[in-house]
């Protein structure tokens, strides 16, 4: 049985199954990337809810795993060389789990790097821009009288959706015929934009030719449906 006692995070969120991947997360658009991936791969894991609304990601125990204080993070008791591995940043975790499971990323080097390219596209563009749309349209930013910040992020989000829409032209998935970590990385953010952020009309989502059908295909996957609810909020 692996000994994870050297990791302070296990004091606050004790593992019941220390032989499994420990997931520290919440079902936000970033968090569900990893729960969906774990559900898709079938890798054994144990989820722990980190309530960011109560600043649990900024506790000393969580910061010992991710100094940036952001979910998700994992602790794999069976990492490289059989040693425990702590890992944060959703894009890095997706790549690690794809390599560990041998699924959802191509073994062809060129296609592999192209897949990673689209994961980075989501991490660097879609996530930050969509999040700002949510802030300025639904949350505290909506009280700001100057609407130029909102318009700037709406315009950029529409542009990014256009890039994604063009990529999906003639393709079922971002990488073509095969569902990959590029899709897993992006699905939750697009869903969140038009549901939780209530920005469907703002970004003219229904005018897109390919993204809505891609989103519907992704959300129909049983593992995606399960992963969107993990970890469950209290």
C-alpha atoms as a PDB file:
ATOM      1  CA  UNK A   1       0.000   0.000   0.000  1.00  0.00           C
ATOM      2  CA  UNK A   2       1.509   3.389  -0.995  1.00  0.00           C
ATOM      3  CA  UNK A   3       2.449   5.726   1.838  1.00  0.00           C
ATOM      4  CA  UNK A   4       1.267   9.259   1.051  1.00  0.00           C
ATOM      5  CA  UNK A   5       1.838  10.633   4.545  1.00  0.00           C
ATOM      6  CA  UNK A   6       4.728  12.805   3.363  1.00  0.00           C
ATOM      7  CA  UNK A   7       2.230  14.944   1.436  1.00  0.00           C
ATOM      8  CA  UNK A   8       0.574  17.519   3.745  1.00  0.00           C
ATOM      9  CA  UNK A   9      -2.548  17.627   1.579  1.00  0.00           C
ATOM     10  CA  UNK A  10      -3.460  14.127   2.764  1.00  0.00           C
ATOM     11  CA  UNK A  11      -3.835  15.469   6.314  1.00  0.00           C
ATOM     12  CA  UNK A  12      -6.732  17.704   5.305  1.00  0.00           C
ATOM     13  CA  UNK A  13      -8.190  15.340   2.709  1.00  0.00           C
ATOM     14  CA  UNK A  14      -7.273  11.846   3.977  1.00  0.00           C
ATOM     15  CA  UNK A  15      -7.329   9.138   1.297  1.00  0.00           C
ATOM     16  CA  UNK A  16      -9.582   6.165   1.877  1.00  0.00           C
ATOM     17  CA  UNK A  17      -7.953   4.473  -1.105  1.00  0.00           C
ATOM     18  CA  UNK A  18      -4.288   5.540  -1.117  1.00  0.00           C
ATOM     19  CA  UNK A  19      -3.519   3.188  -3.997  1.00  0.00           C
ATOM     20  CA  UNK A  20      -5.682   5.315  -6.322  1.00  0.00           C
ATOM     21  CA  UNK A  21      -5.034   8.668  -7.986  1.00  0.00           C
ATOM     22  CA  UNK A  22      -6.132  11.381  -5.565  1.00  0.00           C
ATOM     23  CA  UNK A  23      -8.083  14.156  -7.295  1.00  0.00           C
ATOM     24  CA  UNK A  24      -8.428  17.531  -5.538  1.00  0.00           C
ATOM     25  CA  UNK A  25     -10.963  19.552  -7.440  1.00  0.00           C
ATOM     26  CA  UNK A  26     -14.398  21.110  -7.866  1.00  0.00           C
ATOM     27  CA  UNK A  27     -16.703  20.731 -10.852  1.00  0.00           C
ATOM     28  CA  UNK A  28     -15.750  24.038 -12.459  1.00  0.00           C
ATOM     29  CA  UNK A  29     -14.823  24.169 -16.168  1.00  0.00           C
ATOM     30  CA  UNK A  30     -11.170  23.559 -15.256  1.00  0.00           C
ATOM     31  CA  UNK A  31     -11.942  20.955 -12.639  1.00  0.00           C
ATOM     32  CA  UNK A  32     -14.169  18.799 -14.822  1.00  0.00           C
ATOM     33  CA  UNK A  33     -11.446  18.368 -17.409  1.00  0.00           C
ATOM     34  CA  UNK A  34      -9.728  15.955 -15.059  1.00  0.00           C
ATOM     35  CA  UNK A  35     -12.799  14.172 -13.697  1.00  0.00           C
ATOM     36  CA  UNK A  36     -13.987  13.637 -17.281  1.00  0.00           C
ATOM     37  CA  UNK A  37     -10.558  12.349 -18.293  1.00  0.00           C
ATOM     38  CA  UNK A  38     -10.445   9.966 -15.348  1.00  0.00           C
ATOM     39  CA  UNK A  39     -13.941   8.721 -16.118  1.00  0.00           C
ATOM     40  CA  UNK A  40     -13.063   8.289 -19.800  1.00  0.00           C
ATOM     41  CA  UNK A  41      -9.867   6.355 -19.112  1.00  0.00           C
ATOM     42  CA  UNK A  42     -11.164   4.217 -16.251  1.00  0.00           C
ATOM     43  CA  UNK A  43      -8.052   4.919 -14.178  1.00  0.00           C
ATOM     44  CA  UNK A  44      -8.882   4.285 -10.501  1.00  0.00           C
ATOM     45  CA  UNK A  45      -9.180   7.535  -8.578  1.00  0.00           C
ATOM     46  CA  UNK A  46     -10.580   9.084  -5.445  1.00  0.00           C
ATOM     47  CA  UNK A  47     -12.104  12.579  -5.668  1.00  0.00           C
ATOM     48  CA  UNK A  48     -11.821  15.185  -2.913  1.00  0.00           C
ATOM     49  CA  UNK A  49     -13.921  18.333  -3.056  1.00  0.00           C
ATOM     50  CA  UNK A  50     -11.898  21.516  -2.626  1.00  0.00           C
ATOM     51  CA  UNK A  51     -14.409  24.291  -1.959  1.00  0.00           C
ATOM     52  CA  UNK A  52     -12.909  27.356  -3.594  1.00  0.00           C
ATOM     53  CA  UNK A  53     -15.814  29.499  -2.359  1.00  0.00           C
ATOM     54  CA  UNK A  54     -14.398  28.943   1.138  1.00  0.00           C
ATOM     55  CA  UNK A  55     -10.776  29.509   0.006  1.00  0.00           C
ATOM     56  CA  UNK A  56      -9.847  25.876   0.584  1.00  0.00           C
ATOM     57  CA  UNK A  57      -7.445  26.041  -2.352  1.00  0.00           C
ATOM     58  CA  UNK A  58      -5.431  28.618  -0.417  1.00  0.00           C
ATOM     59  CA  UNK A  59      -4.973  26.543   2.711  1.00  0.00           C
ATOM     60  CA  UNK A  60      -1.414  25.474   3.565  1.00  0.00           C
ATOM     61  CA  UNK A  61      -2.267  21.860   2.770  1.00  0.00           C
ATOM     62  CA  UNK A  62      -3.484  22.608  -0.746  1.00  0.00           C
ATOM     63  CA  UNK A  63      -0.711  25.114  -1.420  1.00  0.00           C
ATOM     64  CA  UNK A  64       1.802  22.403  -0.555  1.00  0.00           C
ATOM     65  CA  UNK A  65       0.548  20.586  -3.670  1.00  0.00           C
ATOM     66  CA  UNK A  66      -0.073  23.600  -5.883  1.00  0.00           C
ATOM     67  CA  UNK A  67       1.598  26.866  -4.788  1.00  0.00           C
ATOM     68  CA  UNK A  68      -0.603  28.713  -7.294  1.00  0.00           C
ATOM     69  CA  UNK A  69      -3.687  27.847  -5.248  1.00  0.00           C
ATOM     70  CA  UNK A  70      -5.821  26.687  -8.166  1.00  0.00           C
ATOM     71  CA  UNK A  71      -7.805  23.514  -8.731  1.00  0.00           C
ATOM     72  CA  UNK A  72      -7.518  20.886 -10.087  1.00  0.00           C
ATOM     73  CA  UNK A  73      -4.522  18.995  -8.746  1.00  0.00           C
ATOM     74  CA  UNK A  74      -3.726  15.315  -8.440  1.00  0.00           C
ATOM     75  CA  UNK A  75      -1.514  13.053  -6.389  1.00  0.00           C
ATOM     76  CA  UNK A  76      -0.699   9.802  -8.183  1.00  0.00           C
ATOM     77  CA  UNK A  77       0.720   7.174  -5.812  1.00  0.00           C
ATOM     78  CA  UNK A  78       2.040   5.256  -8.812  1.00  0.00           C
ATOM     79  CA  UNK A  79       3.822   7.945 -10.778  1.00  0.00           C
ATOM     80  CA  UNK A  80       6.922   7.638 -12.963  1.00  0.00           C
ATOM     81  CA  UNK A  81       9.268   5.007 -11.616  1.00  0.00           C
ATOM     82  CA  UNK A  82       6.581   3.843  -9.218  1.00  0.00           C
ATOM     83  CA  UNK A  83       7.036   6.915  -7.032  1.00  0.00           C
ATOM     84  CA  UNK A  84       4.207   9.289  -5.988  1.00  0.00           C
ATOM     85  CA  UNK A  85       3.753  12.281  -8.264  1.00  0.00           C
ATOM     86  CA  UNK A  86       1.984  15.521  -7.338  1.00  0.00           C
ATOM     87  CA  UNK A  87       0.807  17.518 -10.337  1.00  0.00           C
ATOM     88  CA  UNK A  88      -1.209  20.684 -10.958  1.00  0.00           C
ATOM     89  CA  UNK A  89      -2.313  22.723 -13.993  1.00  0.00           C
ATOM     90  CA  UNK A  90      -5.144  21.055 -15.885  1.00  0.00           C
ATOM     91  CA  UNK A  91      -3.333  20.929 -19.229  1.00  0.00           C
ATOM     92  CA  UNK A  92      -0.319  19.204 -17.733  1.00  0.00           C
ATOM     93  CA  UNK A  93      -2.554  16.739 -15.882  1.00  0.00           C
ATOM     94  CA  UNK A  94      -4.452  15.889 -19.062  1.00  0.00           C
ATOM     95  CA  UNK A  95      -1.225  15.149 -20.932  1.00  0.00           C
ATOM     96  CA  UNK A  96       0.077  13.075 -18.016  1.00  0.00           C
ATOM     97  CA  UNK A  97      -3.118  11.010 -17.776  1.00  0.00           C
ATOM     98  CA  UNK A  98      -3.193  10.532 -21.557  1.00  0.00           C
ATOM     99  CA  UNK A  99       0.347   9.171 -21.440  1.00  0.00           C
ATOM    100  CA  UNK A 100      -0.349   7.043 -18.375  1.00  0.00           C
ATOM    101  CA  UNK A 101      -3.467   5.475 -19.892  1.00  0.00           C
ATOM    102  CA  UNK A 102      -2.309   5.445 -23.505  1.00  0.00           C
ATOM    103  CA  UNK A 103      -5.602   7.033 -24.539  1.00  0.00           C
ATOM    104  CA  UNK A 104      -6.927  10.240 -26.083  1.00  0.00           C
ATOM    105  CA  UNK A 105      -3.623  11.356 -27.562  1.00  0.00           C
ATOM    106  CA  UNK A 106      -2.006  10.002 -30.690  1.00  0.00           C
ATOM    107  CA  UNK A 107       1.191   7.997 -30.677  1.00  0.00           C
ATOM    108  CA  UNK A 108       2.189   9.777 -33.868  1.00  0.00           C
ATOM    109  CA  UNK A 109       4.594  12.555 -32.807  1.00  0.00           C
ATOM    110  CA  UNK A 110       3.228  15.201 -35.184  1.00  0.00           C
ATOM    111  CA  UNK A 111      -0.396  14.571 -34.240  1.00  0.00           C
ATOM    112  CA  UNK A 112       0.557  14.406 -30.582  1.00  0.00           C
ATOM    113  CA  UNK A 113       2.038  17.898 -30.650  1.00  0.00           C
ATOM    114  CA  UNK A 114      -0.905  19.216 -32.648  1.00  0.00           C
ATOM    115  CA  UNK A 115      -3.240  17.845 -29.977  1.00  0.00           C
ATOM    116  CA  UNK A 116      -1.204  19.550 -27.264  1.00  0.00           C
ATOM    117  CA  UNK A 117      -1.376  22.735 -29.340  1.00  0.00           C
ATOM    118  CA  UNK A 118      -5.188  22.710 -29.070  1.00  0.00           C
ATOM    119  CA  UNK A 119      -5.029  21.991 -25.343  1.00  0.00           C
ATOM    120  CA  UNK A 120      -2.860  25.097 -24.990  1.00  0.00           C
ATOM    121  CA  UNK A 121      -5.298  27.038 -27.191  1.00  0.00           C
ATOM    122  CA  UNK A 122      -7.989  26.321 -24.617  1.00  0.00           C
ATOM    123  CA  UNK A 123      -5.775  27.004 -21.603  1.00  0.00           C
ATOM    124  CA  UNK A 124      -4.323  30.253 -22.932  1.00  0.00           C
ATOM    125  CA  UNK A 125      -7.334  31.618 -24.808  1.00  0.00           C
ATOM    126  CA  UNK A 126     -10.740  30.080 -24.295  1.00  0.00           C
ATOM    127  CA  UNK A 127     -10.532  29.665 -20.530  1.00  0.00           C
ATOM    128  CA  UNK A 128      -9.286  33.154 -19.612  1.00  0.00           C
ATOM    129  CA  UNK A 129     -11.480  34.984 -22.140  1.00  0.00           C
ATOM    130  CA  UNK A 130     -14.681  33.077 -21.390  1.00  0.00           C
ATOM    131  CA  UNK A 131     -14.046  33.576 -17.681  1.00  0.00           C
ATOM    132  CA  UNK A 132     -13.828  37.338 -18.174  1.00  0.00           C
ATOM    133  CA  UNK A 133     -17.098  37.311 -20.115  1.00  0.00           C
ATOM    134  CA  UNK A 134     -18.687  35.596 -17.128  1.00  0.00           C
ATOM    135  CA  UNK A 135     -17.208  38.115 -14.695  1.00  0.00           C
ATOM    136  CA  UNK A 136     -18.300  41.192 -16.632  1.00  0.00           C
ATOM    137  CA  UNK A 137     -21.700  39.887 -17.758  1.00  0.00           C
ATOM    138  CA  UNK A 138     -22.967  37.938 -14.736  1.00  0.00           C
ATOM    139  CA  UNK A 139     -20.883  38.658 -11.658  1.00  0.00           C
ATOM    140  CA  UNK A 140     -19.392  41.738  -9.989  1.00  0.00           C
ATOM    141  CA  UNK A 141     -18.148  43.245 -13.237  1.00  0.00           C
ATOM    142  CA  UNK A 142     -21.684  43.804 -14.498  1.00  0.00           C
ATOM    143  CA  UNK A 143     -21.968  46.772 -12.109  1.00  0.00           C
ATOM    144  CA  UNK A 144     -19.160  48.590 -13.914  1.00  0.00           C
ATOM    145  CA  UNK A 145     -20.693  51.417 -15.901  1.00  0.00           C
ATOM    146  CA  UNK A 146     -18.006  51.365 -18.571  1.00  0.00           C
ATOM    147  CA  UNK A 147     -19.029  48.477 -20.841  1.00  0.00           C
ATOM    148  CA  UNK A 148     -15.855  48.488 -22.901  1.00  0.00           C
ATOM    149  CA  UNK A 149     -14.229  45.682 -20.850  1.00  0.00           C
ATOM    150  CA  UNK A 150     -17.266  43.444 -21.374  1.00  0.00           C
ATOM    151  CA  UNK A 151     -17.337  44.191 -25.087  1.00  0.00           C
ATOM    152  CA  UNK A 152     -13.611  43.517 -25.401  1.00  0.00           C
ATOM    153  CA  UNK A 153     -13.998  40.038 -23.876  1.00  0.00           C
ATOM    154  CA  UNK A 154     -17.200  39.264 -25.771  1.00  0.00           C
ATOM    155  CA  UNK A 155     -15.500  40.148 -29.052  1.00  0.00           C
ATOM    156  CA  UNK A 156     -12.452  38.041 -28.227  1.00  0.00           C
ATOM    157  CA  UNK A 157     -14.621  35.106 -27.148  1.00  0.00           C
ATOM    158  CA  UNK A 158     -16.555  35.305 -30.400  1.00  0.00           C
ATOM    159  CA  UNK A 159     -13.263  35.318 -32.285  1.00  0.00           C
ATOM    160  CA  UNK A 160     -12.023  32.242 -30.390  1.00  0.00           C
ATOM    161  CA  UNK A 161     -15.304  30.443 -31.016  1.00  0.00           C
ATOM    162  CA  UNK A 162     -14.824  31.256 -34.683  1.00  0.00           C
ATOM    163  CA  UNK A 163     -11.365  29.678 -34.627  1.00  0.00           C
ATOM    164  CA  UNK A 164     -12.816  26.558 -33.007  1.00  0.00           C
ATOM    165  CA  UNK A 165     -15.718  26.524 -35.452  1.00  0.00           C
ATOM    166  CA  UNK A 166     -13.336  26.651 -38.416  1.00  0.00           C
ATOM    167  CA  UNK A 167     -11.247  23.855 -36.941  1.00  0.00           C
ATOM    168  CA  UNK A 168     -14.334  21.667 -36.598  1.00  0.00           C
ATOM    169  CA  UNK A 169     -15.425  22.192 -40.190  1.00  0.00           C
ATOM    170  CA  UNK A 170     -15.597  18.685 -41.633  1.00  0.00           C
ATOM    171  CA  UNK A 171     -14.438  17.145 -38.357  1.00  0.00           C
ATOM    172  CA  UNK A 172     -16.401  15.423 -35.589  1.00  0.00           C
ATOM    173  CA  UNK A 173     -13.717  16.272 -33.048  1.00  0.00           C
ATOM    174  CA  UNK A 174     -10.960  18.831 -32.787  1.00  0.00           C
ATOM    175  CA  UNK A 175      -8.361  16.348 -34.020  1.00  0.00           C
ATOM    176  CA  UNK A 176     -10.633  14.821 -36.649  1.00  0.00           C
ATOM    177  CA  UNK A 177     -12.216  11.412 -36.274  1.00  0.00           C
ATOM    178  CA  UNK A 178     -10.717  10.764 -32.842  1.00  0.00           C
ATOM    179  CA  UNK A 179     -11.934  12.288 -29.599  1.00  0.00           C
ATOM    180  CA  UNK A 180      -8.937  13.550 -27.624  1.00  0.00           C
ATOM    181  CA  UNK A 181      -7.724  15.587 -24.687  1.00  0.00           C
ATOM    182  CA  UNK A 182      -8.210  18.657 -26.892  1.00  0.00           C
ATOM    183  CA  UNK A 183     -11.971  18.052 -26.738  1.00  0.00           C
ATOM    184  CA  UNK A 184     -11.902  17.131 -23.054  1.00  0.00           C
ATOM    185  CA  UNK A 185     -10.059  20.358 -22.296  1.00  0.00           C
ATOM    186  CA  UNK A 186     -12.565  22.519 -24.167  1.00  0.00           C
ATOM    187  CA  UNK A 187     -16.031  21.007 -23.701  1.00  0.00           C
ATOM    188  CA  UNK A 188     -16.617  22.206 -20.145  1.00  0.00           C
ATOM    189  CA  UNK A 189     -15.658  25.779 -20.962  1.00  0.00           C
ATOM    190  CA  UNK A 190     -17.958  26.060 -23.972  1.00  0.00           C
ATOM    191  CA  UNK A 191     -20.796  24.505 -21.979  1.00  0.00           C
ATOM    192  CA  UNK A 192     -20.178  26.891 -19.087  1.00  0.00           C
ATOM    193  CA  UNK A 193     -20.177  29.933 -21.353  1.00  0.00           C
ATOM    194  CA  UNK A 194     -23.693  29.329 -22.618  1.00  0.00           C
ATOM    195  CA  UNK A 195     -25.209  27.865 -19.459  1.00  0.00           C
ATOM    196  CA  UNK A 196     -23.756  29.095 -16.171  1.00  0.00           C
ATOM    197  CA  UNK A 197     -22.459  32.374 -17.637  1.00  0.00           C
ATOM    198  CA  UNK A 198     -25.705  32.816 -19.617  1.00  0.00           C
ATOM    199  CA  UNK A 199     -23.778  34.283 -22.553  1.00  0.00           C
ATOM    200  CA  UNK A 200     -25.345  32.305 -25.397  1.00  0.00           C
ATOM    201  CA  UNK A 201     -26.838  35.349 -27.078  1.00  0.00           C
ATOM    202  CA  UNK A 202     -23.928  37.626 -26.183  1.00  0.00           C
ATOM    203  CA  UNK A 203     -21.485  35.507 -28.187  1.00  0.00           C
ATOM    204  CA  UNK A 204     -23.999  34.606 -30.933  1.00  0.00           C
ATOM    205  CA  UNK A 205     -23.475  30.927 -30.175  1.00  0.00           C
ATOM    206  CA  UNK A 206     -26.327  29.681 -32.356  1.00  0.00           C
ATOM    207  CA  UNK A 207     -24.859  31.369 -35.431  1.00  0.00           C
ATOM    208  CA  UNK A 208     -21.904  28.957 -35.344  1.00  0.00           C
ATOM    209  CA  UNK A 209     -21.988  26.174 -37.885  1.00  0.00           C
ATOM    210  CA  UNK A 210     -20.034  23.428 -36.131  1.00  0.00           C
ATOM    211  CA  UNK A 211     -19.432  24.130 -32.438  1.00  0.00           C
ATOM    212  CA  UNK A 212     -23.010  23.494 -31.220  1.00  0.00           C
ATOM    213  CA  UNK A 213     -23.132  20.001 -32.749  1.00  0.00           C
ATOM    214  CA  UNK A 214     -19.641  19.222 -31.419  1.00  0.00           C
ATOM    215  CA  UNK A 215     -20.722  20.299 -27.940  1.00  0.00           C
ATOM    216  CA  UNK A 216     -23.831  18.132 -28.169  1.00  0.00           C
ATOM    217  CA  UNK A 217     -21.746  15.124 -29.217  1.00  0.00           C
ATOM    218  CA  UNK A 218     -19.364  15.660 -26.344  1.00  0.00           C
ATOM    219  CA  UNK A 219     -22.035  16.143 -23.713  1.00  0.00           C
ATOM    220  CA  UNK A 220     -23.754  12.941 -24.870  1.00  0.00           C
ATOM    221  CA  UNK A 221     -20.769  10.833 -23.820  1.00  0.00           C
ATOM    222  CA  UNK A 222     -21.571   8.956 -20.575  1.00  0.00           C
ATOM    223  CA  UNK A 223     -18.130   9.657 -19.104  1.00  0.00           C
ATOM    224  CA  UNK A 224     -18.582  13.375 -19.767  1.00  0.00           C
ATOM    225  CA  UNK A 225     -21.974  13.346 -18.073  1.00  0.00           C
ATOM    226  CA  UNK A 226     -20.472  11.670 -15.014  1.00  0.00           C
ATOM    227  CA  UNK A 227     -17.369  13.825 -14.935  1.00  0.00           C
ATOM    228  CA  UNK A 228     -19.359  17.060 -14.995  1.00  0.00           C
ATOM    229  CA  UNK A 229     -20.746  16.182 -11.558  1.00  0.00           C
ATOM    230  CA  UNK A 230     -17.450  15.170  -9.903  1.00  0.00           C
ATOM    231  CA  UNK A 231     -16.605  16.118  -7.229  1.00  0.00           C
ATOM    232  CA  UNK A 232     -20.171  16.819  -6.183  1.00  0.00           C
ATOM    233  CA  UNK A 233     -20.748  20.086  -4.416  1.00  0.00           C
ATOM    234  CA  UNK A 234     -22.112  19.880  -0.895  1.00  0.00           C
END
